[in-house]
């Protein structure tokens, strides 16, 4: 899994799988934020509910804040800021390529 470390509290990643969650936990992350809508690409990627359930089993906190590519608005940034302020860090944010998660984090700071 390719991670882009933004700072000591946040990294961004492309789409993750259930199998990645133990590695995410082992890497020291305490929370995961999904920024990819379940319906994106016809839902060919794992549903956030499946990943949330597996994350909780692995001892990770999980938040679902879906964002459509190229359509990030102020309300979504505010919601993201609330999530990163509330969730224990370090946090891994993911979407299809990791770009939306990175942009949301940068705008929330």
PDB file of N, CA and C in Angstrom:
ATOM      1  N   UNK A   1       0.838  -1.175   0.000  1.00  0.00           N
ATOM      2  CA  UNK A   1       0.000   0.000   0.000  1.00  0.00           C
ATOM      3  C   UNK A   1       0.888   1.245   0.000  1.00  0.00           C
ATOM      4  N   UNK A   2       0.584   2.160  -0.883  1.00  0.00           N
ATOM      5  CA  UNK A   2       1.382   3.386  -1.032  1.00  0.00           C
ATOM      6  C   UNK A   2       0.778   4.480  -0.153  1.00  0.00           C
ATOM      7  N   UNK A   3       1.567   4.955   0.806  1.00  0.00           N
ATOM      8  CA  UNK A   3       1.126   6.022   1.694  1.00  0.00           C
ATOM      9  C   UNK A   3       1.852   7.312   1.368  1.00  0.00           C
ATOM     10  N   UNK A   4       1.134   8.418   1.472  1.00  0.00           N
ATOM     11  CA  UNK A   4       1.745   9.733   1.369  1.00  0.00           C
ATOM     12  C   UNK A   4       1.636  10.377   2.739  1.00  0.00           C
ATOM     13  N   UNK A   5       2.761  10.497   3.442  1.00  0.00           N
ATOM     14  CA  UNK A   5       2.746  11.103   4.766  1.00  0.00           C
ATOM     15  C   UNK A   5       2.687  12.615   4.619  1.00  0.00           C
ATOM     16  N   UNK A   6       1.660  13.214   5.219  1.00  0.00           N
ATOM     17  CA  UNK A   6       1.490  14.664   5.156  1.00  0.00           C
ATOM     18  C   UNK A   6       2.186  15.304   6.368  1.00  0.00           C
ATOM     19  N   UNK A   7       1.963  14.741   7.543  1.00  0.00           N
ATOM     20  CA  UNK A   7       2.647  15.149   8.768  1.00  0.00           C
ATOM     21  C   UNK A   7       2.567  13.983   9.748  1.00  0.00           C
ATOM     22  N   UNK A   8       2.966  14.200  10.996  1.00  0.00           N
ATOM     23  CA  UNK A   8       2.993  13.100  11.956  1.00  0.00           C
ATOM     24  C   UNK A   8       1.614  12.579  12.334  1.00  0.00           C
ATOM     25  N   UNK A   9       0.564  13.344  12.047  1.00  0.00           N
ATOM     26  CA  UNK A   9      -0.790  12.937  12.413  1.00  0.00           C
ATOM     27  C   UNK A   9      -1.604  12.388  11.245  1.00  0.00           C
ATOM     28  N   UNK A  10      -1.176  12.624   9.999  1.00  0.00           N
ATOM     29  CA  UNK A  10      -2.032  12.248   8.867  1.00  0.00           C
ATOM     30  C   UNK A  10      -1.233  11.770   7.662  1.00  0.00           C
ATOM     31  N   UNK A  11      -1.722  10.678   7.081  1.00  0.00           N
ATOM     32  CA  UNK A  11      -1.205  10.171   5.803  1.00  0.00           C
ATOM     33  C   UNK A  11      -2.392   9.892   4.901  1.00  0.00           C
ATOM     34  N   UNK A  12      -2.174   9.965   3.590  1.00  0.00           N
ATOM     35  CA  UNK A  12      -3.214   9.667   2.603  1.00  0.00           C
ATOM     36  C   UNK A  12      -2.812   8.430   1.826  1.00  0.00           C
ATOM     37  N   UNK A  13      -3.828   7.707   1.357  1.00  0.00           N
ATOM     38  CA  UNK A  13      -3.594   6.447   0.669  1.00  0.00           C
ATOM     39  C   UNK A  13      -4.624   6.251  -0.438  1.00  0.00           C
ATOM     40  N   UNK A  14      -4.244   5.506  -1.475  1.00  0.00           N
ATOM     41  CA  UNK A  14      -5.257   5.042  -2.424  1.00  0.00           C
ATOM     42  C   UNK A  14      -6.177   4.039  -1.730  1.00  0.00           C
ATOM     43  N   UNK A  15      -7.184   3.576  -2.439  1.00  0.00           N
ATOM     44  CA  UNK A  15      -8.166   2.619  -1.922  1.00  0.00           C
ATOM     45  C   UNK A  15      -7.498   1.503  -1.121  1.00  0.00           C
ATOM     46  N   UNK A  16      -8.059   1.220   0.049  1.00  0.00           N
ATOM     47  CA  UNK A  16      -7.567   0.120   0.868  1.00  0.00           C
ATOM     48  C   UNK A  16      -8.522  -1.066   0.781  1.00  0.00           C
ATOM     49  N   UNK A  17      -8.051  -2.203   1.272  1.00  0.00           N
ATOM     50  CA  UNK A  17      -8.886  -3.401   1.343  1.00  0.00           C
ATOM     51  C   UNK A  17      -8.970  -3.857   2.797  1.00  0.00           C
ATOM     52  N   UNK A  18      -9.843  -4.801   3.082  1.00  0.00           N
ATOM     53  CA  UNK A  18      -9.950  -5.368   4.426  1.00  0.00           C
ATOM     54  C   UNK A  18      -8.595  -5.925   4.857  1.00  0.00           C
ATOM     55  N   UNK A  19      -7.913  -6.574   3.924  1.00  0.00           N
ATOM     56  CA  UNK A  19      -6.615  -7.182   4.221  1.00  0.00           C
ATOM     57  C   UNK A  19      -5.565  -6.150   4.623  1.00  0.00           C
ATOM     58  N   UNK A  20      -5.708  -4.906   4.179  1.00  0.00           N
ATOM     59  CA  UNK A  20      -4.744  -3.848   4.505  1.00  0.00           C
ATOM     60  C   UNK A  20      -4.869  -3.363   5.947  1.00  0.00           C
ATOM     61  N   UNK A  21      -6.011  -3.591   6.576  1.00  0.00           N
ATOM     62  CA  UNK A  21      -6.268  -2.979   7.880  1.00  0.00           C
ATOM     63  C   UNK A  21      -5.304  -3.429   8.975  1.00  0.00           C
ATOM     64  N   UNK A  22      -4.900  -4.685   8.974  1.00  0.00           N
ATOM     65  CA  UNK A  22      -3.937  -5.137   9.985  1.00  0.00           C
ATOM     66  C   UNK A  22      -2.583  -4.470   9.779  1.00  0.00           C
ATOM     67  N   UNK A  23      -2.188  -4.270   8.516  1.00  0.00           N
ATOM     68  CA  UNK A  23      -0.937  -3.558   8.221  1.00  0.00           C
ATOM     69  C   UNK A  23      -1.046  -2.086   8.640  1.00  0.00           C
ATOM     70  N   UNK A  24      -2.219  -1.494   8.430  1.00  0.00           N
ATOM     71  CA  UNK A  24      -2.461  -0.100   8.817  1.00  0.00           C
ATOM     72  C   UNK A  24      -2.322   0.028  10.339  1.00  0.00           C
ATOM     73  N   UNK A  25      -2.925  -0.900  11.056  1.00  0.00           N
ATOM     74  CA  UNK A  25      -2.824  -0.914  12.521  1.00  0.00           C
ATOM     75  C   UNK A  25      -1.363  -1.124  12.952  1.00  0.00           C
ATOM     76  N   UNK A  26      -0.684  -2.078  12.317  1.00  0.00           N
ATOM     77  CA  UNK A  26       0.711  -2.374  12.660  1.00  0.00           C
ATOM     78  C   UNK A  26       1.627  -1.188  12.372  1.00  0.00           C
ATOM     79  N   UNK A  27       1.262  -0.358  11.402  1.00  0.00           N
ATOM     80  CA  UNK A  27       2.062   0.827  11.061  1.00  0.00           C
ATOM     81  C   UNK A  27       1.859   1.960  12.076  1.00  0.00           C
ATOM     82  N   UNK A  28       0.964   1.748  13.038  1.00  0.00           N
ATOM     83  CA  UNK A  28       0.776   2.739  14.086  1.00  0.00           C
ATOM     84  C   UNK A  28      -0.441   3.632  13.944  1.00  0.00           C
ATOM     85  N   UNK A  29      -1.205   3.463  12.872  1.00  0.00           N
ATOM     86  CA  UNK A  29      -2.410   4.284  12.713  1.00  0.00           C
ATOM     87  C   UNK A  29      -3.456   3.870  13.733  1.00  0.00           C
ATOM     88  N   UNK A  30      -4.230   4.853  14.182  1.00  0.00           N
ATOM     89  CA  UNK A  30      -5.281   4.585  15.157  1.00  0.00           C
ATOM     90  C   UNK A  30      -6.670   4.837  14.584  1.00  0.00           C
ATOM     91  N   UNK A  31      -6.720   5.546  13.445  1.00  0.00           N
ATOM     92  CA  UNK A  31      -8.003   5.877  12.822  1.00  0.00           C
ATOM     93  C   UNK A  31      -7.883   5.857  11.302  1.00  0.00           C
ATOM     94  N   UNK A  32      -9.033   5.613  10.648  1.00  0.00           N
ATOM     95  CA  UNK A  32      -9.122   5.601   9.191  1.00  0.00           C
ATOM     96  C   UNK A  32     -10.313   6.458   8.777  1.00  0.00           C
ATOM     97  N   UNK A  33     -10.106   7.291   7.758  1.00  0.00           N
ATOM     98  CA  UNK A  33     -11.199   8.085   7.188  1.00  0.00           C
ATOM     99  C   UNK A  33     -11.361   7.702   5.722  1.00  0.00           C
ATOM    100  N   UNK A  34     -12.584   7.301   5.366  1.00  0.00           N
ATOM    101  CA  UNK A  34     -12.912   6.986   3.978  1.00  0.00           C
ATOM    102  C   UNK A  34     -13.503   8.222   3.319  1.00  0.00           C
ATOM    103  N   UNK A  35     -12.865   8.699   2.245  1.00  0.00           N
ATOM    104  CA  UNK A  35     -13.369   9.851   1.495  1.00  0.00           C
ATOM    105  C   UNK A  35     -13.926   9.450   0.138  1.00  0.00           C
ATOM    106  N   UNK A  36     -14.141   8.167  -0.081  1.00  0.00           N
ATOM    107  CA  UNK A  36     -14.616   7.671  -1.366  1.00  0.00           C
ATOM    108  C   UNK A  36     -16.074   7.233  -1.268  1.00  0.00           C
ATOM    109  N   UNK A  37     -16.956   7.830  -2.069  1.00  0.00           N
ATOM    110  CA  UNK A  37     -18.352   7.394  -2.051  1.00  0.00           C
ATOM    111  C   UNK A  37     -18.473   5.923  -2.448  1.00  0.00           C
ATOM    112  N   UNK A  38     -19.356   5.199  -1.767  1.00  0.00           N
ATOM    113  CA  UNK A  38     -19.546   3.779  -2.080  1.00  0.00           C
ATOM    114  C   UNK A  38     -19.970   3.554  -3.529  1.00  0.00           C
ATOM    115  N   UNK A  39     -20.704   4.506  -4.094  1.00  0.00           N
ATOM    116  CA  UNK A  39     -21.231   4.353  -5.450  1.00  0.00           C
ATOM    117  C   UNK A  39     -20.213   4.672  -6.548  1.00  0.00           C
ATOM    118  N   UNK A  40     -19.054   5.221  -6.169  1.00  0.00           N
ATOM    119  CA  UNK A  40     -18.050   5.611  -7.164  1.00  0.00           C
ATOM    120  C   UNK A  40     -17.585   4.393  -7.965  1.00  0.00           C
ATOM    121  N   UNK A  41     -17.384   4.576  -9.250  1.00  0.00           N
ATOM    122  CA  UNK A  41     -16.942   3.494 -10.142  1.00  0.00           C
ATOM    123  C   UNK A  41     -17.894   2.301 -10.099  1.00  0.00           C
ATOM    124  N   UNK A  42     -19.177   2.582  -9.891  1.00  0.00           N
ATOM    125  CA  UNK A  42     -20.158   1.508  -9.870  1.00  0.00           C
ATOM    126  C   UNK A  42     -20.046   0.612  -8.650  1.00  0.00           C
ATOM    127  N   UNK A  43     -19.349   1.076  -7.632  1.00  0.00           N
ATOM    128  CA  UNK A  43     -19.221   0.301  -6.404  1.00  0.00           C
ATOM    129  C   UNK A  43     -18.307  -0.901  -6.526  1.00  0.00           C
ATOM    130  N   UNK A  44     -17.342  -0.848  -7.449  1.00  0.00           N
ATOM    131  CA  UNK A  44     -16.427  -1.977  -7.668  1.00  0.00           C
ATOM    132  C   UNK A  44     -15.411  -2.147  -6.540  1.00  0.00           C
ATOM    133  N   UNK A  45     -15.280  -1.158  -5.678  1.00  0.00           N
ATOM    134  CA  UNK A  45     -14.341  -1.216  -4.550  1.00  0.00           C
ATOM    135  C   UNK A  45     -15.096  -1.625  -3.281  1.00  0.00           C
ATOM    136  N   UNK A  46     -14.389  -1.983  -2.216  1.00  0.00           N
ATOM    137  CA  UNK A  46     -15.059  -2.408  -0.985  1.00  0.00           C
ATOM    138  C   UNK A  46     -15.940  -1.304  -0.396  1.00  0.00           C
ATOM    139  N   UNK A  47     -17.136  -1.693   0.009  1.00  0.00           N
ATOM    140  CA  UNK A  47     -18.090  -0.796   0.641  1.00  0.00           C
ATOM    141  C   UNK A  47     -17.529  -0.304   1.971  1.00  0.00           C
ATOM    142  N   UNK A  48     -17.790   0.946   2.315  1.00  0.00           N
ATOM    143  CA  UNK A  48     -17.239   1.500   3.562  1.00  0.00           C
ATOM    144  C   UNK A  48     -17.760   0.760   4.797  1.00  0.00           C
ATOM    145  N   UNK A  49     -18.976   0.224   4.742  1.00  0.00           N
ATOM    146  CA  UNK A  49     -19.513  -0.504   5.897  1.00  0.00           C
ATOM    147  C   UNK A  49     -18.681  -1.751   6.199  1.00  0.00           C
ATOM    148  N   UNK A  50     -18.261  -2.453   5.152  1.00  0.00           N
ATOM    149  CA  UNK A  50     -17.407  -3.629   5.306  1.00  0.00           C
ATOM    150  C   UNK A  50     -16.064  -3.226   5.922  1.00  0.00           C
ATOM    151  N   UNK A  51     -15.472  -2.156   5.389  1.00  0.00           N
ATOM    152  CA  UNK A  51     -14.188  -1.687   5.902  1.00  0.00           C
ATOM    153  C   UNK A  51     -14.323  -1.150   7.331  1.00  0.00           C
ATOM    154  N   UNK A  52     -15.410  -0.467   7.624  1.00  0.00           N
ATOM    155  CA  UNK A  52     -15.618   0.056   8.975  1.00  0.00           C
ATOM    156  C   UNK A  52     -15.720  -1.085   9.987  1.00  0.00           C
ATOM    157  N   UNK A  53     -16.471  -2.109   9.645  1.00  0.00           N
ATOM    158  CA  UNK A  53     -16.616  -3.258  10.527  1.00  0.00           C
ATOM    159  C   UNK A  53     -15.270  -3.939  10.779  1.00  0.00           C
ATOM    160  N   UNK A  54     -14.502  -4.147   9.715  1.00  0.00           N
ATOM    161  CA  UNK A  54     -13.186  -4.783   9.835  1.00  0.00           C
ATOM    162  C   UNK A  54     -12.207  -3.888  10.596  1.00  0.00           C
ATOM    163  N   UNK A  55     -12.300  -2.576  10.382  1.00  0.00           N
ATOM    164  CA  UNK A  55     -11.425  -1.638  11.094  1.00  0.00           C
ATOM    165  C   UNK A  55     -11.703  -1.702  12.591  1.00  0.00           C
ATOM    166  N   UNK A  56     -12.973  -1.721  12.963  1.00  0.00           N
ATOM    167  CA  UNK A  56     -13.329  -1.789  14.382  1.00  0.00           C
ATOM    168  C   UNK A  56     -12.836  -3.095  14.998  1.00  0.00           C
ATOM    169  N   UNK A  57     -12.950  -4.193  14.256  1.00  0.00           N
ATOM    170  CA  UNK A  57     -12.431  -5.480  14.738  1.00  0.00           C
ATOM    171  C   UNK A  57     -10.924  -5.409  14.962  1.00  0.00           C
ATOM    172  N   UNK A  58     -10.234  -4.628  14.147  1.00  0.00           N
ATOM    173  CA  UNK A  58      -8.775  -4.482  14.266  1.00  0.00           C
ATOM    174  C   UNK A  58      -8.388  -3.454  15.334  1.00  0.00           C
ATOM    175  N   UNK A  59      -9.393  -2.809  15.942  1.00  0.00           N
ATOM    176  CA  UNK A  59      -9.107  -1.824  16.973  1.00  0.00           C
ATOM    177  C   UNK A  59      -8.865  -0.421  16.455  1.00  0.00           C
ATOM    178  N   UNK A  60      -9.341  -0.142  15.235  1.00  0.00           N
ATOM    179  CA  UNK A  60      -9.187   1.175  14.624  1.00  0.00           C
ATOM    180  C   UNK A  60     -10.514   1.930  14.651  1.00  0.00           C
ATOM    181  N   UNK A  61     -10.449   3.232  14.844  1.00  0.00           N
ATOM    182  CA  UNK A  61     -11.632   4.085  14.684  1.00  0.00           C
ATOM    183  C   UNK A  61     -11.825   4.307  13.185  1.00  0.00           C
ATOM    184  N   UNK A  62     -13.070   4.607  12.762  1.00  0.00           N
ATOM    185  CA  UNK A  62     -13.365   4.747  11.338  1.00  0.00           C
ATOM    186  C   UNK A  62     -14.390   5.855  11.140  1.00  0.00           C
ATOM    187  N   UNK A  63     -14.185   6.672  10.110  1.00  0.00           N
ATOM    188  CA  UNK A  63     -15.152   7.711   9.745  1.00  0.00           C
ATOM    189  C   UNK A  63     -15.397   7.649   8.237  1.00  0.00           C
ATOM    190  N   UNK A  64     -16.636   7.906   7.834  1.00  0.00           N
ATOM    191  CA  UNK A  64     -17.016   7.916   6.420  1.00  0.00           C
ATOM    192  C   UNK A  64     -17.433   9.326   6.041  1.00  0.00           C
ATOM    193  N   UNK A  65     -16.608   9.984   5.220  1.00  0.00           N
ATOM    194  CA  UNK A  65     -16.867  11.346   4.754  1.00  0.00           C
ATOM    195  C   UNK A  65     -16.680  11.371   3.237  1.00  0.00           C
ATOM    196  N   UNK A  66     -17.676  10.855   2.490  1.00  0.00           N
ATOM    197  CA  UNK A  66     -17.515  10.742   1.037  1.00  0.00           C
ATOM    198  C   UNK A  66     -17.492  12.086   0.327  1.00  0.00           C
ATOM    199  N   UNK A  67     -16.595  12.196  -0.654  1.00  0.00           N
ATOM    200  CA  UNK A  67     -16.437  13.420  -1.436  1.00  0.00           C
ATOM    201  C   UNK A  67     -16.308  13.034  -2.910  1.00  0.00           C
ATOM    202  N   UNK A  68     -17.067  13.704  -3.756  1.00  0.00           N
ATOM    203  CA  UNK A  68     -16.981  13.482  -5.202  1.00  0.00           C
ATOM    204  C   UNK A  68     -15.738  14.205  -5.724  1.00  0.00           C
ATOM    205  N   UNK A  69     -14.948  13.553  -6.582  1.00  0.00           N
ATOM    206  CA  UNK A  69     -13.731  14.196  -7.107  1.00  0.00           C
ATOM    207  C   UNK A  69     -14.021  15.562  -7.717  1.00  0.00           C
ATOM    208  N   UNK A  70     -13.181  16.533  -7.370  1.00  0.00           N
ATOM    209  CA  UNK A  70     -13.301  17.871  -7.942  1.00  0.00           C
ATOM    210  C   UNK A  70     -14.445  18.693  -7.397  1.00  0.00           C
ATOM    211  N   UNK A  71     -15.140  18.196  -6.367  1.00  0.00           N
ATOM    212  CA  UNK A  71     -16.304  18.916  -5.839  1.00  0.00           C
ATOM    213  C   UNK A  71     -16.217  19.125  -4.329  1.00  0.00           C
ATOM    214  N   UNK A  72     -15.015  19.309  -3.816  1.00  0.00           N
ATOM    215  CA  UNK A  72     -14.848  19.529  -2.383  1.00  0.00           C
ATOM    216  C   UNK A  72     -15.367  20.924  -2.033  1.00  0.00           C
ATOM    217  N   UNK A  73     -16.272  20.972  -1.039  1.00  0.00           N
ATOM    218  CA  UNK A  73     -16.824  22.265  -0.635  1.00  0.00           C
ATOM    219  C   UNK A  73     -16.468  22.569   0.831  1.00  0.00           C
ATOM    220  N   UNK A  74     -16.801  23.776   1.271  1.00  0.00           N
ATOM    221  CA  UNK A  74     -16.447  24.223   2.620  1.00  0.00           C
ATOM    222  C   UNK A  74     -17.090  23.364   3.704  1.00  0.00           C
ATOM    223  N   UNK A  75     -18.322  22.897   3.485  1.00  0.00           N
ATOM    224  CA  UNK A  75     -19.003  22.065   4.479  1.00  0.00           C
ATOM    225  C   UNK A  75     -18.264  20.733   4.652  1.00  0.00           C
ATOM    226  N   UNK A  76     -17.773  20.164   3.546  1.00  0.00           N
ATOM    227  CA  UNK A  76     -17.020  18.912   3.631  1.00  0.00           C
ATOM    228  C   UNK A  76     -15.687  19.125   4.351  1.00  0.00           C
ATOM    229  N   UNK A  77     -15.039  20.241   4.086  1.00  0.00           N
ATOM    230  CA  UNK A  77     -13.778  20.564   4.768  1.00  0.00           C
ATOM    231  C   UNK A  77     -14.038  20.715   6.265  1.00  0.00           C
ATOM    232  N   UNK A  78     -15.129  21.392   6.630  1.00  0.00           N
ATOM    233  CA  UNK A  78     -15.479  21.565   8.046  1.00  0.00           C
ATOM    234  C   UNK A  78     -15.753  20.210   8.708  1.00  0.00           C
ATOM    235  N   UNK A  79     -16.465  19.330   8.009  1.00  0.00           N
ATOM    236  CA  UNK A  79     -16.733  17.990   8.535  1.00  0.00           C
ATOM    237  C   UNK A  79     -15.460  17.190   8.705  1.00  0.00           C
ATOM    238  N   UNK A  80     -14.547  17.338   7.759  1.00  0.00           N
ATOM    239  CA  UNK A  80     -13.265  16.649   7.826  1.00  0.00           C
ATOM    240  C   UNK A  80     -12.452  17.173   9.012  1.00  0.00           C
ATOM    241  N   UNK A  81     -12.445  18.491   9.191  1.00  0.00           N
ATOM    242  CA  UNK A  81     -11.713  19.094  10.320  1.00  0.00           C
ATOM    243  C   UNK A  81     -12.264  18.578  11.642  1.00  0.00           C
ATOM    244  N   UNK A  82     -13.569  18.481  11.746  1.00  0.00           N
ATOM    245  CA  UNK A  82     -14.200  17.949  12.954  1.00  0.00           C
ATOM    246  C   UNK A  82     -13.749  16.507  13.199  1.00  0.00           C
ATOM    247  N   UNK A  83     -13.704  15.717  12.148  1.00  0.00           N
ATOM    248  CA  UNK A  83     -13.293  14.313  12.272  1.00  0.00           C
ATOM    249  C   UNK A  83     -11.839  14.192  12.721  1.00  0.00           C
ATOM    250  N   UNK A  84     -10.946  14.963  12.105  1.00  0.00           N
ATOM    251  CA  UNK A  84      -9.529  14.829  12.483  1.00  0.00           C
ATOM    252  C   UNK A  84      -9.266  15.398  13.878  1.00  0.00           C
ATOM    253  N   UNK A  85     -10.097  16.336  14.324  1.00  0.00           N
ATOM    254  CA  UNK A  85      -9.957  16.856  15.679  1.00  0.00           C
ATOM    255  C   UNK A  85     -10.457  15.840  16.714  1.00  0.00           C
ATOM    256  N   UNK A  86     -11.433  15.025  16.325  1.00  0.00           N
ATOM    257  CA  UNK A  86     -12.070  14.083  17.243  1.00  0.00           C
ATOM    258  C   UNK A  86     -11.379  12.717  17.263  1.00  0.00           C
ATOM    259  N   UNK A  87     -10.930  12.238  16.106  1.00  0.00           N
ATOM    260  CA  UNK A  87     -10.355  10.896  16.004  1.00  0.00           C
ATOM    261  C   UNK A  87      -8.941  10.844  16.584  1.00  0.00           C
ATOM    262  N   UNK A  88      -8.587   9.706  17.200  1.00  0.00           N
ATOM    263  CA  UNK A  88      -7.208   9.573  17.670  1.00  0.00           C
ATOM    264  C   UNK A  88      -6.246   9.418  16.488  1.00  0.00           C
ATOM    265  N   UNK A  89      -5.112  10.081  16.580  1.00  0.00           N
ATOM    266  CA  UNK A  89      -4.115   9.983  15.521  1.00  0.00           C
ATOM    267  C   UNK A  89      -3.022   9.007  15.896  1.00  0.00           C
ATOM    268  N   UNK A  90      -2.200   8.685  14.949  1.00  0.00           N
ATOM    269  CA  UNK A  90      -2.245   9.148  13.556  1.00  0.00           C
ATOM    270  C   UNK A  90      -3.420   8.553  12.779  1.00  0.00           C
ATOM    271  N   UNK A  91      -3.803   9.302  11.748  1.00  0.00           N
ATOM    272  CA  UNK A  91      -4.979   8.982  10.933  1.00  0.00           C
ATOM    273  C   UNK A  91      -4.550   8.691   9.505  1.00  0.00           C
ATOM    274  N   UNK A  92      -5.190   7.680   8.905  1.00  0.00           N
ATOM    275  CA  UNK A  92      -5.002   7.384   7.487  1.00  0.00           C
ATOM    276  C   UNK A  92      -6.291   7.744   6.758  1.00  0.00           C
ATOM    277  N   UNK A  93      -6.202   8.655   5.788  1.00  0.00           N
ATOM    278  CA  UNK A  93      -7.343   8.983   4.946  1.00  0.00           C
ATOM    279  C   UNK A  93      -7.156   8.319   3.595  1.00  0.00           C
ATOM    280  N   UNK A  94      -8.250   7.778   3.034  1.00  0.00           N
ATOM    281  CA  UNK A  94      -8.125   7.149   1.717  1.00  0.00           C
ATOM    282  C   UNK A  94      -9.292   7.499   0.810  1.00  0.00           C
ATOM    283  N   UNK A  95      -9.018   7.412  -0.484  1.00  0.00           N
ATOM    284  CA  UNK A  95     -10.016   7.541  -1.538  1.00  0.00           C
ATOM    285  C   UNK A  95      -9.476   6.727  -2.711  1.00  0.00           C
ATOM    286  N   UNK A  96      -9.869   7.020  -3.929  1.00  0.00           N
ATOM    287  CA  UNK A  96      -9.401   6.198  -5.049  1.00  0.00           C
ATOM    288  C   UNK A  96      -7.891   6.272  -5.211  1.00  0.00           C
ATOM    289  N   UNK A  97      -7.349   7.495  -5.218  1.00  0.00           N
ATOM    290  CA  UNK A  97      -5.907   7.680  -5.406  1.00  0.00           C
ATOM    291  C   UNK A  97      -5.212   8.315  -4.201  1.00  0.00           C
ATOM    292  N   UNK A  98      -5.980   8.813  -3.244  1.00  0.00           N
ATOM    293  CA  UNK A  98      -5.421   9.495  -2.083  1.00  0.00           C
ATOM    294  C   UNK A  98      -5.415  11.005  -2.204  1.00  0.00           C
ATOM    295  N   UNK A  99      -5.751  11.514  -3.376  1.00  0.00           N
ATOM    296  CA  UNK A  99      -5.675  12.957  -3.624  1.00  0.00           C
ATOM    297  C   UNK A  99      -6.742  13.728  -2.845  1.00  0.00           C
ATOM    298  N   UNK A 100      -7.987  13.255  -2.880  1.00  0.00           N
ATOM    299  CA  UNK A 100      -9.060  13.953  -2.147  1.00  0.00           C
ATOM    300  C   UNK A 100      -8.757  14.013  -0.655  1.00  0.00           C
ATOM    301  N   UNK A 101      -8.283  12.905  -0.114  1.00  0.00           N
ATOM    302  CA  UNK A 101      -7.958  12.876   1.320  1.00  0.00           C
ATOM    303  C   UNK A 101      -6.867  13.891   1.638  1.00  0.00           C
ATOM    304  N   UNK A 102      -5.857  13.953   0.795  1.00  0.00           N
ATOM    305  CA  UNK A 102      -4.755  14.899   0.986  1.00  0.00           C
ATOM    306  C   UNK A 102      -5.267  16.343   0.913  1.00  0.00           C
ATOM    307  N   UNK A 103      -6.083  16.648  -0.086  1.00  0.00           N
ATOM    308  CA  UNK A 103      -6.622  18.003  -0.262  1.00  0.00           C
ATOM    309  C   UNK A 103      -7.520  18.387   0.918  1.00  0.00           C
ATOM    310  N   UNK A 104      -8.374  17.457   1.359  1.00  0.00           N
ATOM    311  CA  UNK A 104      -9.238  17.743   2.503  1.00  0.00           C
ATOM    312  C   UNK A 104      -8.401  18.064   3.739  1.00  0.00           C
ATOM    313  N   UNK A 105      -7.368  17.288   3.974  1.00  0.00           N
ATOM    314  CA  UNK A 105      -6.533  17.522   5.149  1.00  0.00           C
ATOM    315  C   UNK A 105      -5.829  18.874   5.058  1.00  0.00           C
ATOM    316  N   UNK A 106      -5.260  19.155   3.919  1.00  0.00           N
ATOM    317  CA  UNK A 106      -4.560  20.428   3.744  1.00  0.00           C
ATOM    318  C   UNK A 106      -5.490  21.615   3.906  1.00  0.00           C
ATOM    319  N   UNK A 107      -6.719  21.498   3.374  1.00  0.00           N
ATOM    320  CA  UNK A 107      -7.689  22.599   3.497  1.00  0.00           C
ATOM    321  C   UNK A 107      -8.212  22.726   4.915  1.00  0.00           C
ATOM    322  N   UNK A 108      -8.266  21.610   5.649  1.00  0.00           N
ATOM    323  CA  UNK A 108      -8.780  21.622   7.026  1.00  0.00           C
ATOM    324  C   UNK A 108      -7.781  22.217   8.010  1.00  0.00           C
ATOM    325  N   UNK A 109      -6.493  22.240   7.633  1.00  0.00           N
ATOM    326  CA  UNK A 109      -5.467  22.765   8.547  1.00  0.00           C
ATOM    327  C   UNK A 109      -5.509  24.255   8.543  1.00  0.00           C
TER     328      UNK A 109
END
